[in-house]
Amino acid sequence: MEMEELKQKRWTNGKEAVRAMKDVALAQGKCAIVINRGGTFRLLQCDSAAIRCEWHVRLARFRSKSHPGDWHVTGGNPVTRPSSELRRCGIGS
């Protein structure tokens, strides 16, 4: 999924947003984990620094009246080279 597509999506809570981004990562052969979080933001990245995976996505919650509480993607690098990282997610052999 391209960054512009991801930026158009909205989720009603942080858990849904994180789950959706983990699904995007798995579809690309990555294993994403939340490495930083606060009340209104989350940062997900690959679970493997050893392979120099640059996959990462930043999520934030809107603070406007037009989107009260909605979560969205603010940036990141959701597309990187394929890897055999699925074993780290408990999916591969």
PDB file of N, CA and C in Angstrom:
ATOM      1  N   MET A   1       0.845  -1.174   0.000  1.00  0.00           N
ATOM      2  CA  MET A   1       0.000   0.000   0.000  1.00  0.00           C
ATOM      3  C   MET A   1       0.895   1.244   0.000  1.00  0.00           C
ATOM      4  N   GLU A   2       0.552   2.196  -0.820  1.00  0.00           N
ATOM      5  CA  GLU A   2       1.336   3.422  -0.931  1.00  0.00           C
ATOM      6  C   GLU A   2       1.043   4.370   0.231  1.00  0.00           C
ATOM      7  N   MET A   3       1.980   5.258   0.495  1.00  0.00           N
ATOM      8  CA  MET A   3       1.839   6.197   1.603  1.00  0.00           C
ATOM      9  C   MET A   3       0.590   7.072   1.448  1.00  0.00           C
ATOM     10  N   GLU A   4       0.311   7.552   0.250  1.00  0.00           N
ATOM     11  CA  GLU A   4      -0.855   8.423   0.054  1.00  0.00           C
ATOM     12  C   GLU A   4      -2.155   7.681   0.353  1.00  0.00           C
ATOM     13  N   GLU A   5      -2.218   6.394  -0.002  1.00  0.00           N
ATOM     14  CA  GLU A   5      -3.398   5.589   0.332  1.00  0.00           C
ATOM     15  C   GLU A   5      -3.550   5.458   1.842  1.00  0.00           C
ATOM     16  N   LEU A   6      -2.442   5.190   2.513  1.00  0.00           N
ATOM     17  CA  LEU A   6      -2.476   5.032   3.966  1.00  0.00           C
ATOM     18  C   LEU A   6      -2.901   6.320   4.660  1.00  0.00           C
ATOM     19  N   LYS A   7      -2.457   7.457   4.147  1.00  0.00           N
ATOM     20  CA  LYS A   7      -2.797   8.741   4.768  1.00  0.00           C
ATOM     21  C   LYS A   7      -4.283   9.073   4.651  1.00  0.00           C
ATOM     22  N   GLN A   8      -4.985   8.445   3.714  1.00  0.00           N
ATOM     23  CA  GLN A   8      -6.415   8.695   3.545  1.00  0.00           C
ATOM     24  C   GLN A   8      -7.274   7.867   4.497  1.00  0.00           C
ATOM     25  N   LYS A   9      -6.716   6.813   5.059  1.00  0.00           N
ATOM     26  CA  LYS A   9      -7.482   5.924   5.944  1.00  0.00           C
ATOM     27  C   LYS A   9      -7.651   6.536   7.329  1.00  0.00           C
ATOM     28  N   ARG A  10      -8.737   6.141   8.008  1.00  0.00           N
ATOM     29  CA  ARG A  10      -9.031   6.609   9.363  1.00  0.00           C
ATOM     30  C   ARG A  10      -9.462   5.426  10.220  1.00  0.00           C
ATOM     31  N   TRP A  11      -9.089   5.465  11.498  1.00  0.00           N
ATOM     32  CA  TRP A  11      -9.482   4.433  12.457  1.00  0.00           C
ATOM     33  C   TRP A  11     -10.052   5.117  13.687  1.00  0.00           C
ATOM     34  N   THR A  12     -10.968   4.435  14.374  1.00  0.00           N
ATOM     35  CA  THR A  12     -11.638   5.055  15.514  1.00  0.00           C
ATOM     36  C   THR A  12     -10.829   5.000  16.798  1.00  0.00           C
ATOM     37  N   ASN A  13      -9.826   4.111  16.856  1.00  0.00           N
ATOM     38  CA  ASN A  13      -8.975   4.083  18.049  1.00  0.00           C
ATOM     39  C   ASN A  13      -7.572   3.610  17.692  1.00  0.00           C
ATOM     40  N   GLY A  14      -6.651   3.792  18.616  1.00  0.00           N
ATOM     41  CA  GLY A  14      -5.253   3.455  18.381  1.00  0.00           C
ATOM     42  C   GLY A  14      -5.017   1.978  18.149  1.00  0.00           C
ATOM     43  N   LYS A  15      -5.755   1.119  18.849  1.00  0.00           N
ATOM     44  CA  LYS A  15      -5.577  -0.328  18.676  1.00  0.00           C
ATOM     45  C   LYS A  15      -5.928  -0.764  17.264  1.00  0.00           C
ATOM     46  N   GLU A  16      -7.025  -0.230  16.717  1.00  0.00           N
ATOM     47  CA  GLU A  16      -7.406  -0.552  15.343  1.00  0.00           C
ATOM     48  C   GLU A  16      -6.345  -0.077  14.360  1.00  0.00           C
ATOM     49  N   ALA A  17      -5.822   1.117  14.570  1.00  0.00           N
ATOM     50  CA  ALA A  17      -4.808   1.674  13.678  1.00  0.00           C
ATOM     51  C   ALA A  17      -3.540   0.827  13.702  1.00  0.00           C
ATOM     52  N   VAL A  18      -3.097   0.443  14.896  1.00  0.00           N
ATOM     53  CA  VAL A  18      -1.889  -0.385  15.022  1.00  0.00           C
ATOM     54  C   VAL A  18      -2.121  -1.739  14.364  1.00  0.00           C
ATOM     55  N   ARG A  19      -3.271  -2.350  14.600  1.00  0.00           N
ATOM     56  CA  ARG A  19      -3.576  -3.651  14.005  1.00  0.00           C
ATOM     57  C   ARG A  19      -3.553  -3.561  12.478  1.00  0.00           C
ATOM     58  N   ALA A  20      -4.131  -2.504  11.926  1.00  0.00           N
ATOM     59  CA  ALA A  20      -4.152  -2.322  10.477  1.00  0.00           C
ATOM     60  C   ALA A  20      -2.743  -2.165   9.919  1.00  0.00           C
ATOM     61  N   MET A  21      -1.882  -1.413  10.606  1.00  0.00           N
ATOM     62  CA  MET A  21      -0.516  -1.223  10.130  1.00  0.00           C
ATOM     63  C   MET A  21       0.297  -2.514  10.247  1.00  0.00           C
ATOM     64  N   LYS A  22       0.043  -3.309  11.282  1.00  0.00           N
ATOM     65  CA  LYS A  22       0.713  -4.611  11.389  1.00  0.00           C
ATOM     66  C   LYS A  22       0.282  -5.524  10.246  1.00  0.00           C
ATOM     67  N   ASP A  23      -0.988  -5.444   9.837  1.00  0.00           N
ATOM     68  CA  ASP A  23      -1.470  -6.219   8.695  1.00  0.00           C
ATOM     69  C   ASP A  23      -0.790  -5.775   7.406  1.00  0.00           C
ATOM     70  N   VAL A  24      -0.614  -4.464   7.233  1.00  0.00           N
ATOM     71  CA  VAL A  24       0.096  -3.942   6.060  1.00  0.00           C
ATOM     72  C   VAL A  24       1.524  -4.476   6.051  1.00  0.00           C
ATOM     73  N   ALA A  25       2.176  -4.453   7.202  1.00  0.00           N
ATOM     74  CA  ALA A  25       3.550  -4.949   7.306  1.00  0.00           C
ATOM     75  C   ALA A  25       3.615  -6.431   6.955  1.00  0.00           C
ATOM     76  N   LEU A  26       2.710  -7.235   7.503  1.00  0.00           N
ATOM     77  CA  LEU A  26       2.705  -8.669   7.213  1.00  0.00           C
ATOM     78  C   LEU A  26       2.486  -8.942   5.733  1.00  0.00           C
ATOM     79  N   ALA A  27       1.625  -8.164   5.095  1.00  0.00           N
ATOM     80  CA  ALA A  27       1.376  -8.327   3.665  1.00  0.00           C
ATOM     81  C   ALA A  27       2.634  -8.061   2.847  1.00  0.00           C
ATOM     82  N   GLN A  28       3.559  -7.282   3.403  1.00  0.00           N
ATOM     83  CA  GLN A  28       4.818  -6.974   2.725  1.00  0.00           C
ATOM     84  C   GLN A  28       5.964  -7.847   3.222  1.00  0.00           C
ATOM     85  N   GLY A  29       5.660  -8.831   4.061  1.00  0.00           N
ATOM     86  CA  GLY A  29       6.698  -9.725   4.563  1.00  0.00           C
ATOM     87  C   GLY A  29       7.494  -9.146   5.713  1.00  0.00           C
ATOM     88  N   LYS A  30       6.906  -8.212   6.442  1.00  0.00           N
ATOM     89  CA  LYS A  30       7.584  -7.573   7.573  1.00  0.00           C
ATOM     90  C   LYS A  30       6.868  -7.917   8.870  1.00  0.00           C
ATOM     91  N   CYS A  31       7.573  -7.768   9.960  1.00  0.00           N
ATOM     92  CA  CYS A  31       6.989  -7.940  11.284  1.00  0.00           C
ATOM     93  C   CYS A  31       7.125  -6.598  11.999  1.00  0.00           C
ATOM     94  N   ALA A  32       6.014  -5.899  12.191  1.00  0.00           N
ATOM     95  CA  ALA A  32       6.045  -4.563  12.788  1.00  0.00           C
ATOM     96  C   ALA A  32       5.716  -4.617  14.272  1.00  0.00           C
ATOM     97  N   ILE A  33       6.401  -3.774  15.033  1.00  0.00           N
ATOM     98  CA  ILE A  33       6.127  -3.633  16.460  1.00  0.00           C
ATOM     99  C   ILE A  33       6.014  -2.148  16.787  1.00  0.00           C
ATOM    100  N   VAL A  34       5.293  -1.848  17.852  1.00  0.00           N
ATOM    101  CA  VAL A  34       5.194  -0.465  18.328  1.00  0.00           C
ATOM    102  C   VAL A  34       6.440  -0.194  19.158  1.00  0.00           C
ATOM    103  N   ILE A  35       7.248   0.779  18.734  1.00  0.00           N
ATOM    104  CA  ILE A  35       8.473   1.077  19.483  1.00  0.00           C
ATOM    105  C   ILE A  35       8.349   2.335  20.329  1.00  0.00           C
ATOM    106  N   ASN A  36       7.352   3.155  20.022  1.00  0.00           N
ATOM    107  CA  ASN A  36       7.171   4.389  20.777  1.00  0.00           C
ATOM    108  C   ASN A  36       5.692   4.734  20.759  1.00  0.00           C
ATOM    109  N   ARG A  37       5.161   5.134  21.918  1.00  0.00           N
ATOM    110  CA  ARG A  37       3.753   5.501  21.951  1.00  0.00           C
ATOM    111  C   ARG A  37       3.490   6.518  23.043  1.00  0.00           C
ATOM    112  N   GLY A  38       2.472   7.295  22.804  1.00  0.00           N
ATOM    113  CA  GLY A  38       2.018   8.274  23.780  1.00  0.00           C
ATOM    114  C   GLY A  38       0.508   8.339  23.694  1.00  0.00           C
ATOM    115  N   GLY A  39      -0.088   9.324  24.288  1.00  0.00           N
ATOM    116  CA  GLY A  39      -1.538   9.423  24.268  1.00  0.00           C
ATOM    117  C   GLY A  39      -2.129   9.634  22.894  1.00  0.00           C
ATOM    118  N   THR A  40      -1.413  10.356  22.033  1.00  0.00           N
ATOM    119  CA  THR A  40      -1.966  10.686  20.717  1.00  0.00           C
ATOM    120  C   THR A  40      -1.070  10.264  19.561  1.00  0.00           C
ATOM    121  N   PHE A  41      -0.073   9.414  19.789  1.00  0.00           N
ATOM    122  CA  PHE A  41       0.787   8.982  18.691  1.00  0.00           C
ATOM    123  C   PHE A  41       1.286   7.557  18.908  1.00  0.00           C
ATOM    124  N   ARG A  42       1.692   6.911  17.804  1.00  0.00           N
ATOM    125  CA  ARG A  42       2.321   5.597  17.827  1.00  0.00           C
ATOM    126  C   ARG A  42       3.374   5.587  16.727  1.00  0.00           C
ATOM    127  N   LEU A  43       4.475   4.892  16.969  1.00  0.00           N
ATOM    128  CA  LEU A  43       5.491   4.682  15.952  1.00  0.00           C
ATOM    129  C   LEU A  43       5.721   3.188  15.838  1.00  0.00           C
ATOM    130  N   LEU A  44       5.519   2.645  14.641  1.00  0.00           N
ATOM    131  CA  LEU A  44       5.754   1.233  14.379  1.00  0.00           C
ATOM    132  C   LEU A  44       6.959   1.105  13.473  1.00  0.00           C
ATOM    133  N   GLN A  45       7.756   0.059  13.692  1.00  0.00           N
ATOM    134  CA  GLN A  45       8.866  -0.218  12.791  1.00  0.00           C
ATOM    135  C   GLN A  45       9.114  -1.713  12.744  1.00  0.00           C
ATOM    136  N   CYS A  46      10.005  -2.125  11.829  1.00  0.00           N
ATOM    137  CA  CYS A  46      10.374  -3.536  11.712  1.00  0.00           C
ATOM    138  C   CYS A  46      10.941  -4.039  13.025  1.00  0.00           C
ATOM    139  N   ASP A  47      10.747  -5.324  13.258  1.00  0.00           N
ATOM    140  CA  ASP A  47      11.249  -5.947  14.481  1.00  0.00           C
ATOM    141  C   ASP A  47      12.658  -6.502  14.274  1.00  0.00           C
ATOM    142  N   SER A  48      13.373  -6.047  13.261  1.00  0.00           N
ATOM    143  CA  SER A  48      14.705  -6.582  13.015  1.00  0.00           C
ATOM    144  C   SER A  48      15.673  -5.499  12.565  1.00  0.00           C
ATOM    145  N   ALA A  49      16.509  -5.067  13.465  1.00  0.00           N
ATOM    146  CA  ALA A  49      17.544  -4.094  13.107  1.00  0.00           C
ATOM    147  C   ALA A  49      18.687  -4.785  12.374  1.00  0.00           C
ATOM    148  N   ALA A  50      18.836  -6.084  12.575  1.00  0.00           N
ATOM    149  CA  ALA A  50      19.952  -6.825  11.984  1.00  0.00           C
ATOM    150  C   ALA A  50      19.909  -6.816  10.462  1.00  0.00           C
ATOM    151  N   ILE A  51      18.721  -6.812   9.874  1.00  0.00           N
ATOM    152  CA  ILE A  51      18.638  -6.825   8.416  1.00  0.00           C
ATOM    153  C   ILE A  51      18.495  -5.419   7.841  1.00  0.00           C
ATOM    154  N   ARG A  52      18.649  -4.412   8.683  1.00  0.00           N
ATOM    155  CA  ARG A  52      18.560  -3.004   8.270  1.00  0.00           C
ATOM    156  C   ARG A  52      17.236  -2.683   7.594  1.00  0.00           C
ATOM    157  N   CYS A  53      16.183  -3.155   8.158  1.00  0.00           N
ATOM    158  CA  CYS A  53      14.848  -2.885   7.631  1.00  0.00           C
ATOM    159  C   CYS A  53      14.482  -1.443   7.953  1.00  0.00           C
ATOM    160  N   GLU A  54      14.068  -0.698   6.954  1.00  0.00           N
ATOM    161  CA  GLU A  54      13.718   0.710   7.144  1.00  0.00           C
ATOM    162  C   GLU A  54      12.211   0.934   7.179  1.00  0.00           C
ATOM    163  N   TRP A  55      11.421  -0.144   7.241  1.00  0.00           N
ATOM    164  CA  TRP A  55       9.963  -0.014   7.285  1.00  0.00           C
ATOM    165  C   TRP A  55       9.560   0.658   8.587  1.00  0.00           C
ATOM    166  N   HIS A  56       8.786   1.734   8.498  1.00  0.00           N
ATOM    167  CA  HIS A  56       8.239   2.380   9.689  1.00  0.00           C
ATOM    168  C   HIS A  56       7.026   3.223   9.307  1.00  0.00           C
ATOM    169  N   VAL A  57       6.119   3.383  10.254  1.00  0.00           N
ATOM    170  CA  VAL A  57       4.909   4.176  10.047  1.00  0.00           C
ATOM    171  C   VAL A  57       4.614   4.945  11.328  1.00  0.00           C
ATOM    172  N   ARG A  58       4.260   6.220  11.176  1.00  0.00           N
ATOM    173  CA  ARG A  58       3.850   7.056  12.313  1.00  0.00           C
ATOM    174  C   ARG A  58       2.336   7.247  12.274  1.00  0.00           C
ATOM    175  N   LEU A  59       1.703   7.033  13.416  1.00  0.00           N
ATOM    176  CA  LEU A  59       0.260   7.229  13.558  1.00  0.00           C
ATOM    177  C   LEU A  59       0.010   8.348  14.557  1.00  0.00           C
ATOM    178  N   ALA A  60      -1.064   9.100  14.356  1.00  0.00           N
ATOM    179  CA  ALA A  60      -1.434  10.155  15.309  1.00  0.00           C
ATOM    180  C   ALA A  60      -2.949  10.273  15.365  1.00  0.00           C
ATOM    181  N   ARG A  61      -3.421  10.841  16.456  1.00  0.00           N
ATOM    182  CA  ARG A  61      -4.854  11.068  16.621  1.00  0.00           C
ATOM    183  C   ARG A  61      -5.160  12.523  16.286  1.00  0.00           C
ATOM    184  N   PHE A  62      -6.219  12.722  15.491  1.00  0.00           N
ATOM    185  CA  PHE A  62      -6.651  14.080  15.161  1.00  0.00           C
ATOM    186  C   PHE A  62      -7.070  14.811  16.420  1.00  0.00           C
ATOM    187  N   ARG A  63      -6.833  16.104  16.436  1.00  0.00           N
ATOM    188  CA  ARG A  63      -7.280  16.943  17.547  1.00  0.00           C
ATOM    189  C   ARG A  63      -8.263  18.003  17.057  1.00  0.00           C
ATOM    190  N   SER A  64      -8.923  17.735  15.949  1.00  0.00           N
ATOM    191  CA  SER A  64      -9.855  18.726  15.406  1.00  0.00           C
ATOM    192  C   SER A  64     -11.302  18.289  15.637  1.00  0.00           C
ATOM    193  N   LYS A  65     -12.218  19.232  15.558  1.00  0.00           N
ATOM    194  CA  LYS A  65     -13.636  18.923  15.746  1.00  0.00           C
ATOM    195  C   LYS A  65     -14.205  18.140  14.573  1.00  0.00           C
ATOM    196  N   SER A  66     -13.608  18.281  13.396  1.00  0.00           N
ATOM    197  CA  SER A  66     -14.126  17.574  12.220  1.00  0.00           C
ATOM    198  C   SER A  66     -13.777  16.086  12.234  1.00  0.00           C
ATOM    199  N   HIS A  67     -12.742  15.698  12.963  1.00  0.00           N
ATOM    200  CA  HIS A  67     -12.335  14.292  13.070  1.00  0.00           C
ATOM    201  C   HIS A  67     -12.076  13.943  14.531  1.00  0.00           C
ATOM    202  N   PRO A  68     -13.030  14.066  15.418  1.00  0.00           N
ATOM    203  CA  PRO A  68     -12.755  13.868  16.848  1.00  0.00           C
ATOM    204  C   PRO A  68     -12.300  12.447  17.168  1.00  0.00           C
ATOM    205  N   GLY A  69     -11.071  12.327  17.612  1.00  0.00           N
ATOM    206  CA  GLY A  69     -10.553  11.040  18.046  1.00  0.00           C
ATOM    207  C   GLY A  69     -10.087  10.103  16.961  1.00  0.00           C
ATOM    208  N   ASP A  70     -10.280  10.434  15.683  1.00  0.00           N
ATOM    209  CA  ASP A  70      -9.846   9.549  14.605  1.00  0.00           C
ATOM    210  C   ASP A  70      -8.327   9.462  14.540  1.00  0.00           C
ATOM    211  N   TRP A  71      -7.826   8.265  14.249  1.00  0.00           N
ATOM    212  CA  TRP A  71      -6.392   8.031  14.079  1.00  0.00           C
ATOM    213  C   TRP A  71      -6.071   7.982  12.599  1.00  0.00           C
ATOM    214  N   HIS A  72      -4.878   8.441  12.224  1.00  0.00           N
ATOM    215  CA  HIS A  72      -4.463   8.454  10.827  1.00  0.00           C
ATOM    216  C   HIS A  72      -2.948   8.308  10.740  1.00  0.00           C
ATOM    217  N   VAL A  73      -2.468   7.982   9.537  1.00  0.00           N
ATOM    218  CA  VAL A  73      -1.033   7.874   9.271  1.00  0.00           C
ATOM    219  C   VAL A  73      -0.507   9.266   8.971  1.00  0.00           C
ATOM    220  N   THR A  74       0.580   9.651   9.648  1.00  0.00           N
ATOM    221  CA  THR A  74       1.167  10.966   9.392  1.00  0.00           C
ATOM    222  C   THR A  74       2.417  10.880   8.533  1.00  0.00           C
ATOM    223  N   GLY A  75       3.029   9.718   8.450  1.00  0.00           N
ATOM    224  CA  GLY A  75       4.225   9.568   7.636  1.00  0.00           C
ATOM    225  C   GLY A  75       4.879   8.228   7.856  1.00  0.00           C
ATOM    226  N   GLY A  76       6.026   8.067   7.212  1.00  0.00           N
ATOM    227  CA  GLY A  76       6.777   6.832   7.372  1.00  0.00           C
ATOM    228  C   GLY A  76       7.334   6.327   6.065  1.00  0.00           C
ATOM    229  N   ASN A  77       7.799   5.099   6.082  1.00  0.00           N
ATOM    230  CA  ASN A  77       8.342   4.415   4.922  1.00  0.00           C
ATOM    231  C   ASN A  77       7.742   3.013   4.918  1.00  0.00           C
ATOM    232  N   PRO A  78       6.497   2.867   4.408  1.00  0.00           N
ATOM    233  CA  PRO A  78       5.821   1.581   4.494  1.00  0.00           C
ATOM    234  C   PRO A  78       6.184   0.583   3.405  1.00  0.00           C
ATOM    235  N   VAL A  79       7.100   0.940   2.508  1.00  0.00           N
ATOM    236  CA  VAL A  79       7.476   0.023   1.438  1.00  0.00           C
ATOM    237  C   VAL A  79       8.993  -0.098   1.416  1.00  0.00           C
ATOM    238  N   THR A  80       9.485  -1.306   1.631  1.00  0.00           N
ATOM    239  CA  THR A  80      10.921  -1.561   1.562  1.00  0.00           C
ATOM    240  C   THR A  80      11.155  -2.865   0.833  1.00  0.00           C
ATOM    241  N   ARG A  81      12.403  -3.230   0.687  1.00  0.00           N
ATOM    242  CA  ARG A  81      12.728  -4.472  -0.018  1.00  0.00           C
ATOM    243  C   ARG A  81      12.200  -5.676   0.755  1.00  0.00           C
ATOM    244  N   PRO A  82      11.842  -6.758   0.034  1.00  0.00           N
ATOM    245  CA  PRO A  82      11.327  -7.952   0.706  1.00  0.00           C
ATOM    246  C   PRO A  82      12.387  -8.600   1.597  1.00  0.00           C
ATOM    247  N   SER A  83      11.934  -9.291   2.612  1.00  0.00           N
ATOM    248  CA  SER A  83      12.859 -10.012   3.486  1.00  0.00           C
ATOM    249  C   SER A  83      12.223 -11.310   3.929  1.00  0.00           C
ATOM    250  N   SER A  84      13.005 -12.139   4.595  1.00  0.00           N
ATOM    251  CA  SER A  84      12.491 -13.404   5.125  1.00  0.00           C
ATOM    252  C   SER A  84      12.201 -13.243   6.608  1.00  0.00           C
ATOM    253  N   GLU A  85      11.679 -12.117   6.978  1.00  0.00           N
ATOM    254  CA  GLU A  85      11.485 -11.775   8.381  1.00  0.00           C
ATOM    255  C   GLU A  85      10.246 -12.418   8.998  1.00  0.00           C
ATOM    256  N   LEU A  86       9.411 -13.080   8.218  1.00  0.00           N
ATOM    257  CA  LEU A  86       8.177 -13.648   8.743  1.00  0.00           C
ATOM    258  C   LEU A  86       8.415 -14.649   9.864  1.00  0.00           C
ATOM    259  N   ARG A  87       9.558 -15.303   9.879  1.00  0.00           N
ATOM    260  CA  ARG A  87       9.849 -16.240  10.961  1.00  0.00           C
ATOM    261  C   ARG A  87       9.823 -15.537  12.304  1.00  0.00           C
ATOM    262  N   ARG A  88      10.239 -14.288  12.353  1.00  0.00           N
ATOM    263  CA  ARG A  88      10.261 -13.533  13.604  1.00  0.00           C
ATOM    264  C   ARG A  88       8.851 -13.228  14.091  1.00  0.00           C
ATOM    265  N   CYS A  89       7.879 -13.251  13.191  1.00  0.00           N
ATOM    266  CA  CYS A  89       6.490 -12.998  13.573  1.00  0.00           C
ATOM    267  C   CYS A  89       5.779 -14.289  13.945  1.00  0.00           C
ATOM    268  N   GLY A  90       6.473 -15.412  13.857  1.00  0.00           N
ATOM    269  CA  GLY A  90       5.858 -16.686  14.180  1.00  0.00           C
ATOM    270  C   GLY A  90       5.038 -17.257  13.039  1.00  0.00           C
ATOM    271  N   ILE A  91       5.306 -16.800  11.797  1.00  0.00           N
ATOM    272  CA  ILE A  91       4.520 -17.263  10.661  1.00  0.00           C
ATOM    273  C   ILE A  91       5.296 -18.263   9.820  1.00  0.00           C
ATOM    274  N   GLY A  92       6.575 -18.002   9.568  1.00  0.00           N
ATOM    275  CA  GLY A  92       7.374 -18.895   8.735  1.00  0.00           C
ATOM    276  C   GLY A  92       7.857 -20.099   9.511  1.00  0.00           C
ATOM    277  N   SER A  93       8.614 -20.946   8.818  1.00  0.00           N
ATOM    278  CA  SER A  93       9.134 -22.149   9.498  1.00  0.00           C
ATOM    279  C   SER A  93      10.457 -21.887  10.162  1.00  0.00           C
TER     280      SER A  93
END
